[in-house]
Protein backbone atom coordinates (compact mmCIF):
# COMPACT_ATOMS: atom_id res chain seq x y z
CA MET A 1 44.94 -1.27 7.73
CA LYS A 2 48.41 -2.26 8.79
CA GLN A 3 50.56 -5.27 8.01
CA LEU A 4 51.88 -7.93 10.36
CA GLU A 5 54.68 -10.34 9.59
CA VAL A 6 53.86 -13.79 10.92
CA GLN A 7 55.30 -17.28 10.66
CA ILE A 8 53.31 -20.40 9.87
CA MET A 9 55.21 -23.67 9.85
CA GLY A 10 58.48 -21.77 9.59
CA GLN A 11 57.40 -19.72 6.56
CA SER A 12 57.05 -15.93 6.84
CA TYR A 13 53.91 -14.14 5.64
CA LEU A 14 53.06 -10.45 5.53
CA LEU A 15 49.33 -10.16 6.28
CA GLY A 16 47.00 -7.20 6.19
CA CYS A 17 45.35 -6.54 9.52
CA PRO A 18 42.76 -4.02 10.72
CA ASP A 19 44.22 -1.55 13.20
CA ASP A 20 42.35 -3.15 16.10
CA GLY A 21 42.72 -6.77 14.95
CA ASP A 22 46.28 -7.67 15.99
CA ALA A 23 45.36 -9.99 18.83
CA ARG A 24 42.65 -11.82 16.86
CA LEU A 25 44.85 -12.27 13.81
CA LEU A 26 47.78 -13.51 15.90
CA LYS A 27 45.46 -15.96 17.68
CA ALA A 28 44.24 -17.24 14.29
CA VAL A 29 47.82 -17.56 13.02
CA ASP A 30 48.72 -19.51 16.14
CA LYS A 31 45.79 -21.90 15.64
CA VAL A 32 46.72 -22.47 11.99
CA ASP A 33 50.40 -22.97 12.83
CA ILE A 34 49.60 -25.47 15.59
CA ALA A 35 47.16 -27.37 13.35
CA MET A 36 49.63 -27.55 10.45
CA CYS A 37 52.60 -28.53 12.63
CA LYS A 38 50.54 -31.26 14.29
CA ILE A 39 49.72 -32.77 10.88
CA ARG A 40 53.32 -32.41 9.68
CA ASP A 41 54.72 -33.94 12.87
CA ALA A 42 52.46 -36.97 12.49
CA GLY A 43 54.79 -37.76 9.58
CA LYS A 44 52.27 -39.17 7.13
CA ILE A 45 51.94 -36.11 4.91
CA LYS A 46 54.89 -34.10 3.63
CA ALA A 47 53.41 -31.74 1.01
CA ARG A 48 52.75 -28.36 2.58
CA ASP A 49 49.73 -27.63 0.41
CA ARG A 50 48.06 -30.87 1.54
CA ILE A 51 48.94 -30.09 5.15
CA ALA A 52 47.32 -26.67 4.73
CA VAL A 53 44.13 -28.14 3.25
CA LEU A 54 43.82 -30.73 6.01
CA ALA A 55 44.44 -28.12 8.70
CA ALA A 56 41.79 -25.86 7.14
CA LEU A 57 39.31 -28.72 7.05
CA ASN A 58 40.04 -29.65 10.66
CA LEU A 59 39.58 -26.05 11.82
CA ALA A 60 36.37 -25.64 9.80
CA PHE A 61 35.04 -28.89 11.26
CA GLU A 62 35.79 -27.63 14.77
CA LEU A 63 33.91 -24.40 14.00
CA SER A 64 30.91 -26.35 12.72
CA ASP A 65 30.68 -28.16 16.07
CA ARG A 66 30.19 -24.89 17.94
CA PRO A 67 26.67 -23.80 18.77
CA ALA A 68 25.22 -21.13 16.52
CA PRO A 69 25.89 -17.62 17.85
CA VAL A 70 23.05 -15.60 19.29
CA LEU A 71 22.12 -12.87 16.82
CA ARG A 72 22.75 -9.37 18.14
CA PRO A 73 22.62 -5.97 16.52
CA THR A 74 25.74 -5.16 14.51
CA GLY A 75 28.35 -3.49 16.66
CA ALA A 76 27.27 -5.22 19.85
CA ALA A 77 30.04 -6.15 22.23
CA ASN A 78 31.76 -9.50 21.60
CA ASP A 79 30.32 -10.00 18.11
CA SER A 80 31.06 -13.49 16.79
CA PRO A 81 32.50 -13.81 13.30
CA ASP A 82 29.76 -14.00 10.70
CA ASP A 83 29.81 -15.06 7.05
CA ALA A 84 30.86 -11.57 5.92
CA GLN A 85 33.80 -11.53 8.33
CA ILE A 86 34.86 -15.03 7.32
CA GLY A 87 34.58 -14.07 3.65
CA SER A 88 36.70 -11.00 4.31
CA LEU A 89 39.32 -13.11 6.07
CA LEU A 90 39.37 -15.60 3.20
CA SER A 91 39.83 -12.75 0.72
CA ARG A 92 42.75 -11.38 2.74
CA LEU A 93 44.29 -14.85 2.90
CA ASP A 94 43.91 -15.24 -0.88
CA ALA A 95 45.62 -11.90 -1.38
CA ALA A 96 48.44 -12.89 0.98
CA LEU A 97 48.93 -16.20 -0.82
CA GLY A 98 49.64 -14.38 -4.06
CA VAL A 99 49.13 -15.38 -7.64
CA ASP A 100 49.86 -19.10 -7.39
CA GLY A 101 47.33 -19.63 -4.60
CA ARG A 102 49.64 -21.89 -2.64
CA LEU A 103 50.06 -21.46 1.09
CA LEU A 104 53.66 -22.69 1.10
């Protein structure tokens, strides 16, 4: 596993990334950054932790609107993220956030 330095809403983060996951992680970072900046730029919410929670909720809501993926054998081409992958990503995000658990 390697580390990538990324920026979300102007704040730098060093994130762990599987050797073949650069593009997917950068795409996820871009989505989170866009979602957070959109909320910030609306001007109604200033606290970064609240912006992060609202962005997470918005992204999760968008994911829930997608049709359920077709189940395929593990390792099949173009596997969609499953609960284990999402849990793994959440664990990595928790580790990146550090002890205080705050995004920014």
